[in-house]
Amino acid sequence: PDLQAYLASSQTDDQTMSTAQQALEQEFRAFAGIRQIYNQIGFVDAAGNEVVRIQTNADGISGLASERQLQNIGDRSYFQEIISTAPGEIYVSSVELSGEDGQLETMSNGSYRPVIRYGTPVVYSGQIVGAVVAEFLVDRFLSQVETGRQPVFLVDEDGYYLYHPDETKRWSRQLQNEVTLTSDMSPEVVRQILTDSNGTVTTTGNFISYLSLQLPNYPGTWHLGLIKSRQ
């Protein structure tokens, strides 16, 4: 309702529009604060201008981006994909490392800030007038992967690490360091893990139980592996 009221206010005076935008900002801030899973979330107009953006800092505190911080993201490939998505449908990106101007963002513990972008067009009076764009914090999911008992890994459909007990191996696709499952296991074992939906495979000294994971609308597949010693 607050977004609809803001869009309707564009046909009125500046004061009414300003009041409607403040209500929209409060709505997004409350939503982000309750959910606590977003790096950023907000509304972007059809030209790519950010109208409202709630962002979460390295300490996990969500706040409103100032007018000076708002950007035009019209040339970003993910926004072009979102604005071209059919109304009522949701665009989902692959995992990316959050950053601006070539600088990767880090969290308070120094690790990178992985996100998945979600977006959907906003239709008003029969026209696409913008989009709701959100960045989901992937570390909220990965924190549930780590068992603390047996080593666990998570790779994408090509075997690039999303999670590994050795932090230097994580985000190998995004960091373009070419560290993959094939670096650590034989081609036959890798092929089995990446092609079977679930099962167990034996390697030198270890058993690996694996399971494929398909997130709704996600453009790829993840593969989770649990390593158990044969000793």
C-alpha atoms as a PDB file:
ATOM      1  CA  PRO A   1       0.000   0.000   0.000  1.00  0.00           C
ATOM      2  CA  ASP A   2       2.786   2.489   0.776  1.00  0.00           C
ATOM      3  CA  LEU A   3       4.353   1.879  -2.621  1.00  0.00           C
ATOM      4  CA  GLN A   4       0.997   2.321  -4.340  1.00  0.00           C
ATOM      5  CA  ALA A   5       0.446   5.549  -2.398  1.00  0.00           C
ATOM      6  CA  TYR A   6       3.888   6.821  -3.444  1.00  0.00           C
ATOM      7  CA  LEU A   7       3.213   6.075  -7.111  1.00  0.00           C
ATOM      8  CA  ALA A   8      -0.178   7.800  -6.896  1.00  0.00           C
ATOM      9  CA  SER A   9       1.444  10.857  -5.283  1.00  0.00           C
ATOM     10  CA  SER A  10       3.502  11.488  -8.428  1.00  0.00           C
ATOM     11  CA  GLN A  11       0.354  13.029  -9.873  1.00  0.00           C
ATOM     12  CA  THR A  12       0.019  15.473  -6.952  1.00  0.00           C
ATOM     13  CA  ASP A  13       2.073  18.256  -5.318  1.00  0.00           C
ATOM     14  CA  ASP A  14       5.638  17.982  -4.016  1.00  0.00           C
ATOM     15  CA  GLN A  15       4.608  17.975  -0.345  1.00  0.00           C
ATOM     16  CA  THR A  16       2.242  15.042  -0.816  1.00  0.00           C
ATOM     17  CA  MET A  17       4.900  13.144  -2.757  1.00  0.00           C
ATOM     18  CA  SER A  18       7.540  13.842  -0.090  1.00  0.00           C
ATOM     19  CA  THR A  19       5.211  12.566   2.652  1.00  0.00           C
ATOM     20  CA  ALA A  20       4.430   9.453   0.629  1.00  0.00           C
ATOM     21  CA  GLN A  21       8.137   8.794   0.063  1.00  0.00           C
ATOM     22  CA  GLN A  22       8.856   9.069   3.794  1.00  0.00           C
ATOM     23  CA  ALA A  23       6.133   6.495   4.489  1.00  0.00           C
ATOM     24  CA  LEU A  24       7.648   4.224   1.835  1.00  0.00           C
ATOM     25  CA  GLU A  25      11.097   4.586   3.400  1.00  0.00           C
ATOM     26  CA  GLN A  26       9.713   3.673   6.818  1.00  0.00           C
ATOM     27  CA  GLU A  27       7.959   0.619   5.361  1.00  0.00           C
ATOM     28  CA  PHE A  28      11.129  -0.712   3.710  1.00  0.00           C
ATOM     29  CA  ARG A  29      13.213   0.009   6.812  1.00  0.00           C
ATOM     30  CA  ALA A  30      10.748  -1.853   9.065  1.00  0.00           C
ATOM     31  CA  PHE A  31      10.623  -4.782   6.641  1.00  0.00           C
ATOM     32  CA  ALA A  32      14.425  -5.045   6.425  1.00  0.00           C
ATOM     33  CA  GLY A  33      14.789  -4.715  10.190  1.00  0.00           C
ATOM     34  CA  ILE A  34      12.317  -7.502  10.912  1.00  0.00           C
ATOM     35  CA  ARG A  35      13.648  -9.899   8.300  1.00  0.00           C
ATOM     36  CA  GLN A  36      17.375  -9.199   8.829  1.00  0.00           C
ATOM     37  CA  ILE A  37      18.379 -11.135   5.722  1.00  0.00           C
ATOM     38  CA  TYR A  38      18.958  -8.299   3.243  1.00  0.00           C
ATOM     39  CA  ASN A  39      22.143  -6.505   2.301  1.00  0.00           C
ATOM     40  CA  GLN A  40      20.005  -3.974   0.417  1.00  0.00           C
ATOM     41  CA  ILE A  41      16.355  -3.619  -0.497  1.00  0.00           C
ATOM     42  CA  GLY A  42      14.427  -0.788  -2.093  1.00  0.00           C
ATOM     43  CA  PHE A  43      12.488   0.663  -4.982  1.00  0.00           C
ATOM     44  CA  VAL A  44      14.075   1.778  -8.260  1.00  0.00           C
ATOM     45  CA  ASP A  45      12.193   3.724 -10.937  1.00  0.00           C
ATOM     46  CA  ALA A  46      11.982   2.623 -14.572  1.00  0.00           C
ATOM     47  CA  ALA A  47      14.991   4.762 -15.532  1.00  0.00           C
ATOM     48  CA  GLY A  48      17.144   3.006 -12.947  1.00  0.00           C
ATOM     49  CA  ASN A  49      17.126   5.789 -10.341  1.00  0.00           C
ATOM     50  CA  GLU A  50      17.066   4.513  -6.775  1.00  0.00           C
ATOM     51  CA  VAL A  51      14.115   6.100  -4.979  1.00  0.00           C
ATOM     52  CA  VAL A  52      14.480   4.241  -1.669  1.00  0.00           C
ATOM     53  CA  ARG A  53      17.333   1.989  -0.566  1.00  0.00           C
ATOM     54  CA  ILE A  54      17.741   0.351   2.818  1.00  0.00           C
ATOM     55  CA  GLN A  55      21.245  -0.968   3.313  1.00  0.00           C
ATOM     56  CA  THR A  56      22.872  -3.081   6.019  1.00  0.00           C
ATOM     57  CA  ASN A  57      26.356  -2.199   7.209  1.00  0.00           C
ATOM     58  CA  ALA A  58      29.170  -4.539   8.235  1.00  0.00           C
ATOM     59  CA  ASP A  59      27.810  -4.638  11.796  1.00  0.00           C
ATOM     60  CA  GLY A  60      24.382  -5.842  10.640  1.00  0.00           C
ATOM     61  CA  ILE A  61      22.594  -2.528  11.221  1.00  0.00           C
ATOM     62  CA  SER A  62      20.062  -1.487   8.570  1.00  0.00           C
ATOM     63  CA  GLY A  63      19.575   2.154   7.670  1.00  0.00           C
ATOM     64  CA  LEU A  64      18.260   4.458   4.972  1.00  0.00           C
ATOM     65  CA  ALA A  65      20.648   5.473   2.192  1.00  0.00           C
ATOM     66  CA  SER A  66      20.918   9.258   2.005  1.00  0.00           C
ATOM     67  CA  GLU A  67      19.899  11.164  -1.098  1.00  0.00           C
ATOM     68  CA  ARG A  68      23.600  11.619  -1.880  1.00  0.00           C
ATOM     69  CA  GLN A  69      24.171   7.852  -1.695  1.00  0.00           C
ATOM     70  CA  LEU A  70      21.336   6.944  -4.058  1.00  0.00           C
ATOM     71  CA  GLN A  71      22.548   5.924  -7.524  1.00  0.00           C
ATOM     72  CA  ASN A  72      21.352   5.284 -11.027  1.00  0.00           C
ATOM     73  CA  ILE A  73      21.697   1.547 -11.703  1.00  0.00           C
ATOM     74  CA  GLY A  74      20.015   1.630 -15.115  1.00  0.00           C
ATOM     75  CA  ASP A  75      23.143   0.315 -16.838  1.00  0.00           C
ATOM     76  CA  ARG A  76      23.620  -2.626 -14.451  1.00  0.00           C
ATOM     77  CA  SER A  77      22.924  -5.921 -16.167  1.00  0.00           C
ATOM     78  CA  TYR A  78      20.896  -7.260 -13.232  1.00  0.00           C
ATOM     79  CA  PHE A  79      18.571  -4.234 -13.313  1.00  0.00           C
ATOM     80  CA  GLN A  80      18.045  -4.629 -17.048  1.00  0.00           C
ATOM     81  CA  GLU A  81      17.166  -8.277 -16.425  1.00  0.00           C
ATOM     82  CA  ILE A  82      14.756  -7.328 -13.619  1.00  0.00           C
ATOM     83  CA  ILE A  83      12.969  -4.585 -15.554  1.00  0.00           C
ATOM     84  CA  SER A  84      12.586  -6.999 -18.503  1.00  0.00           C
ATOM     85  CA  THR A  85      11.075  -9.737 -16.328  1.00  0.00           C
ATOM     86  CA  ALA A  86       7.373 -10.389 -16.906  1.00  0.00           C
ATOM     87  CA  PRO A  87       5.137  -8.677 -14.319  1.00  0.00           C
ATOM     88  CA  GLY A  88       4.381 -11.080 -11.502  1.00  0.00           C
ATOM     89  CA  GLU A  89       7.583 -13.044 -12.094  1.00  0.00           C
ATOM     90  CA  ILE A  90      10.760 -12.854  -9.987  1.00  0.00           C
ATOM     91  CA  TYR A  91      14.301 -12.460 -11.299  1.00  0.00           C
ATOM     92  CA  VAL A  92      16.975 -14.335  -9.317  1.00  0.00           C
ATOM     93  CA  SER A  93      20.696 -13.826  -9.917  1.00  0.00           C
ATOM     94  CA  SER A  94      23.568 -16.198  -9.336  1.00  0.00           C
ATOM     95  CA  VAL A  95      25.648 -15.664  -6.193  1.00  0.00           C
ATOM     96  CA  GLU A  96      27.769 -12.525  -6.411  1.00  0.00           C
ATOM     97  CA  LEU A  97      30.149 -10.769  -4.038  1.00  0.00           C
ATOM     98  CA  SER A  98      28.746  -7.394  -3.070  1.00  0.00           C
ATOM     99  CA  GLY A  99      30.818  -4.360  -3.982  1.00  0.00           C
ATOM    100  CA  GLU A 100      30.944  -1.015  -5.739  1.00  0.00           C
ATOM    101  CA  ASP A 101      33.348   0.398  -8.331  1.00  0.00           C
ATOM    102  CA  GLY A 102      35.477  -2.734  -8.372  1.00  0.00           C
ATOM    103  CA  GLN A 103      35.923  -2.815  -4.586  1.00  0.00           C
ATOM    104  CA  LEU A 104      34.528  -5.908  -2.854  1.00  0.00           C
ATOM    105  CA  GLU A 105      32.585  -5.296   0.340  1.00  0.00           C
ATOM    106  CA  THR A 106      33.613  -7.181   3.477  1.00  0.00           C
ATOM    107  CA  MET A 107      31.817  -7.999   6.728  1.00  0.00           C
ATOM    108  CA  SER A 108      32.996  -7.183  10.250  1.00  0.00           C
ATOM    109  CA  ASN A 109      34.976 -10.457  10.425  1.00  0.00           C
ATOM    110  CA  GLY A 110      36.837  -9.564   7.220  1.00  0.00           C
ATOM    111  CA  SER A 111      35.109 -12.132   5.000  1.00  0.00           C
ATOM    112  CA  TYR A 112      33.431 -11.230   1.727  1.00  0.00           C
ATOM    113  CA  ARG A 113      29.742 -10.337   1.558  1.00  0.00           C
ATOM    114  CA  PRO A 114      28.013 -12.808  -0.822  1.00  0.00           C
ATOM    115  CA  VAL A 115      24.541 -11.906  -2.083  1.00  0.00           C
ATOM    116  CA  ILE A 116      21.818 -13.188  -4.376  1.00  0.00           C
ATOM    117  CA  ARG A 117      19.806 -10.455  -6.096  1.00  0.00           C
ATOM    118  CA  TYR A 118      16.043 -10.713  -6.365  1.00  0.00           C
ATOM    119  CA  GLY A 119      13.800  -8.330  -8.247  1.00  0.00           C
ATOM    120  CA  THR A 120      10.364  -7.917  -9.737  1.00  0.00           C
ATOM    121  CA  PRO A 121       8.842  -5.182 -11.914  1.00  0.00           C
ATOM    122  CA  VAL A 122       6.293  -2.823 -10.386  1.00  0.00           C
ATOM    123  CA  VAL A 123       3.213  -2.108 -12.520  1.00  0.00           C
ATOM    124  CA  TYR A 124       1.072   0.995 -11.991  1.00  0.00           C
ATOM    125  CA  SER A 125      -1.804   2.091 -14.238  1.00  0.00           C
ATOM    126  CA  GLY A 126      -0.856  -0.654 -16.689  1.00  0.00           C
ATOM    127  CA  GLN A 127       2.768   0.502 -17.066  1.00  0.00           C
ATOM    128  CA  ILE A 128       6.031  -0.815 -15.645  1.00  0.00           C
ATOM    129  CA  VAL A 129       7.162   2.110 -13.498  1.00  0.00           C
ATOM    130  CA  GLY A 130      10.121   0.532 -11.732  1.00  0.00           C
ATOM    131  CA  ALA A 131      11.144  -2.477  -9.706  1.00  0.00           C
ATOM    132  CA  VAL A 132      11.620  -3.718  -6.185  1.00  0.00           C
ATOM    133  CA  VAL A 133      15.234  -4.873  -5.916  1.00  0.00           C
ATOM    134  CA  ALA A 134      16.697  -6.856  -3.018  1.00  0.00           C
ATOM    135  CA  GLU A 135      20.056  -8.383  -2.170  1.00  0.00           C
ATOM    136  CA  PHE A 136      19.746 -11.461   0.044  1.00  0.00           C
ATOM    137  CA  LEU A 137      22.682 -12.133   2.373  1.00  0.00           C
ATOM    138  CA  VAL A 138      23.916 -15.613   1.461  1.00  0.00           C
ATOM    139  CA  ASP A 139      25.929 -15.952   4.668  1.00  0.00           C
ATOM    140  CA  ARG A 140      22.619 -16.324   6.524  1.00  0.00           C
ATOM    141  CA  PHE A 141      22.191 -19.591   4.604  1.00  0.00           C
ATOM    142  CA  LEU A 142      25.821 -20.670   4.791  1.00  0.00           C
ATOM    143  CA  SER A 143      25.873 -20.316   8.575  1.00  0.00           C
ATOM    144  CA  GLN A 144      23.546 -23.330   8.653  1.00  0.00           C
ATOM    145  CA  VAL A 145      25.882 -25.386   6.453  1.00  0.00           C
ATOM    146  CA  GLU A 146      28.840 -25.443   8.828  1.00  0.00           C
ATOM    147  CA  THR A 147      28.491 -28.434  11.187  1.00  0.00           C
ATOM    148  CA  GLY A 148      31.613 -28.080  13.290  1.00  0.00           C
ATOM    149  CA  ARG A 149      31.982 -31.869  13.313  1.00  0.00           C
ATOM    150  CA  GLN A 150      32.780 -33.267   9.864  1.00  0.00           C
ATOM    151  CA  PRO A 151      34.146 -31.075   7.040  1.00  0.00           C
ATOM    152  CA  VAL A 152      31.419 -29.779   4.711  1.00  0.00           C
ATOM    153  CA  PHE A 153      31.706 -28.174   1.280  1.00  0.00           C
ATOM    154  CA  LEU A 154      29.214 -26.472  -1.031  1.00  0.00           C
ATOM    155  CA  VAL A 155      29.913 -26.032  -4.741  1.00  0.00           C
ATOM    156  CA  ASP A 156      27.989 -24.706  -7.721  1.00  0.00           C
ATOM    157  CA  GLU A 157      27.048 -26.668 -10.826  1.00  0.00           C
ATOM    158  CA  ASP A 158      30.595 -26.329 -12.206  1.00  0.00           C
ATOM    159  CA  GLY A 159      32.349 -27.341  -9.007  1.00  0.00           C
ATOM    160  CA  TYR A 160      33.399 -23.867  -7.852  1.00  0.00           C
ATOM    161  CA  TYR A 161      33.417 -23.546  -4.076  1.00  0.00           C
ATOM    162  CA  LEU A 162      30.751 -21.458  -2.363  1.00  0.00           C
ATOM    163  CA  TYR A 163      31.732 -22.831   1.034  1.00  0.00           C
ATOM    164  CA  HIS A 164      34.762 -24.779   2.227  1.00  0.00           C
ATOM    165  CA  PRO A 165      36.346 -25.186   5.682  1.00  0.00           C
ATOM    166  CA  ASP A 166      39.456 -23.597   4.165  1.00  0.00           C
ATOM    167  CA  GLU A 167      38.349 -19.983   3.674  1.00  0.00           C
ATOM    168  CA  THR A 168      40.937 -19.411   0.927  1.00  0.00           C
ATOM    169  CA  LYS A 169      38.943 -21.775  -1.329  1.00  0.00           C
ATOM    170  CA  ARG A 170      35.582 -20.005  -0.937  1.00  0.00           C
ATOM    171  CA  TRP A 171      34.050 -17.957  -3.793  1.00  0.00           C
ATOM    172  CA  SER A 172      36.511 -19.391  -6.287  1.00  0.00           C
ATOM    173  CA  ARG A 173      34.325 -18.491  -9.295  1.00  0.00           C
ATOM    174  CA  GLN A 174      33.745 -14.914  -8.145  1.00  0.00           C
ATOM    175  CA  LEU A 175      37.423 -14.378  -7.286  1.00  0.00           C
ATOM    176  CA  GLN A 176      38.490 -16.123 -10.517  1.00  0.00           C
ATOM    177  CA  ASN A 177      41.176 -18.166  -8.776  1.00  0.00           C
ATOM    178  CA  GLU A 178      40.236 -21.428 -10.562  1.00  0.00           C
ATOM    179  CA  VAL A 179      40.090 -23.435  -7.334  1.00  0.00           C
ATOM    180  CA  THR A 180      37.400 -26.059  -7.927  1.00  0.00           C
ATOM    181  CA  LEU A 181      36.300 -29.466  -6.726  1.00  0.00           C
ATOM    182  CA  THR A 182      38.526 -30.925  -9.458  1.00  0.00           C
ATOM    183  CA  SER A 183      41.532 -29.383  -7.700  1.00  0.00           C
ATOM    184  CA  ASP A 184      40.890 -31.657  -4.710  1.00  0.00           C
ATOM    185  CA  MET A 185      39.276 -34.798  -6.159  1.00  0.00           C
ATOM    186  CA  SER A 186      39.540 -37.083  -9.138  1.00  0.00           C
ATOM    187  CA  PRO A 187      37.481 -36.317 -12.276  1.00  0.00           C
ATOM    188  CA  GLU A 188      35.393 -39.464 -11.707  1.00  0.00           C
ATOM    189  CA  VAL A 189      34.420 -38.441  -8.167  1.00  0.00           C
ATOM    190  CA  VAL A 190      33.667 -34.880  -9.255  1.00  0.00           C
ATOM    191  CA  ARG A 191      31.507 -36.103 -12.118  1.00  0.00           C
ATOM    192  CA  GLN A 192      29.487 -38.306  -9.763  1.00  0.00           C
ATOM    193  CA  ILE A 193      28.924 -35.504  -7.228  1.00  0.00           C
ATOM    194  CA  LEU A 194      27.886 -32.982  -9.903  1.00  0.00           C
ATOM    195  CA  THR A 195      25.593 -35.288 -11.880  1.00  0.00           C
ATOM    196  CA  ASP A 196      23.846 -37.486  -9.274  1.00  0.00           C
ATOM    197  CA  SER A 197      21.082 -36.021  -7.117  1.00  0.00           C
ATOM    198  CA  ASN A 198      22.451 -37.712  -3.991  1.00  0.00           C
ATOM    199  CA  GLY A 199      24.609 -40.600  -2.894  1.00  0.00           C
ATOM    200  CA  THR A 200      27.923 -41.616  -1.358  1.00  0.00           C
ATOM    201  CA  VAL A 201      31.311 -41.903  -3.011  1.00  0.00           C
ATOM    202  CA  THR A 202      34.581 -43.311  -1.693  1.00  0.00           C
ATOM    203  CA  THR A 203      37.872 -41.474  -2.069  1.00  0.00           C
ATOM    204  CA  THR A 204      41.309 -42.128  -0.652  1.00  0.00           C
ATOM    205  CA  GLY A 205      40.797 -42.162   3.110  1.00  0.00           C
ATOM    206  CA  ASN A 206      37.286 -40.670   3.051  1.00  0.00           C
ATOM    207  CA  PHE A 207      33.596 -41.219   2.396  1.00  0.00           C
ATOM    208  CA  ILE A 208      31.709 -38.311   0.867  1.00  0.00           C
ATOM    209  CA  SER A 209      27.927 -38.077   1.202  1.00  0.00           C
ATOM    210  CA  TYR A 210      26.510 -35.572  -1.266  1.00  0.00           C
ATOM    211  CA  LEU A 211      23.190 -33.954  -2.136  1.00  0.00           C
ATOM    212  CA  SER A 212      22.137 -31.587  -4.928  1.00  0.00           C
ATOM    213  CA  LEU A 213      20.160 -28.478  -3.969  1.00  0.00           C
ATOM    214  CA  GLN A 214      17.877 -26.459  -6.238  1.00  0.00           C
ATOM    215  CA  LEU A 215      16.710 -23.076  -4.937  1.00  0.00           C
ATOM    216  CA  PRO A 216      13.385 -21.778  -6.329  1.00  0.00           C
ATOM    217  CA  ASN A 217      14.009 -19.823  -9.557  1.00  0.00           C
ATOM    218  CA  TYR A 218      17.782 -19.974  -9.017  1.00  0.00           C
ATOM    219  CA  PRO A 219      19.655 -20.256 -12.344  1.00  0.00           C
ATOM    220  CA  GLY A 220      22.014 -22.998 -11.203  1.00  0.00           C
ATOM    221  CA  THR A 221      22.356 -25.990  -8.888  1.00  0.00           C
ATOM    222  CA  TRP A 222      24.320 -26.302  -5.673  1.00  0.00           C
ATOM    223  CA  HIS A 223      25.914 -29.508  -4.400  1.00  0.00           C
ATOM    224  CA  LEU A 224      26.475 -30.123  -0.702  1.00  0.00           C
ATOM    225  CA  GLY A 225      29.070 -32.616   0.463  1.00  0.00           C
ATOM    226  CA  LEU A 226      29.874 -34.067   3.883  1.00  0.00           C
ATOM    227  CA  ILE A 227      33.292 -35.674   4.293  1.00  0.00           C
ATOM    228  CA  LYS A 228      33.715 -38.562   6.728  1.00  0.00           C
ATOM    229  CA  SER A 229      36.994 -40.275   7.485  1.00  0.00           C
ATOM    230  CA  ARG A 230      37.203 -44.007   6.727  1.00  0.00           C
ATOM    231  CA  GLN A 231      39.348 -44.527   9.827  1.00  0.00           C
END
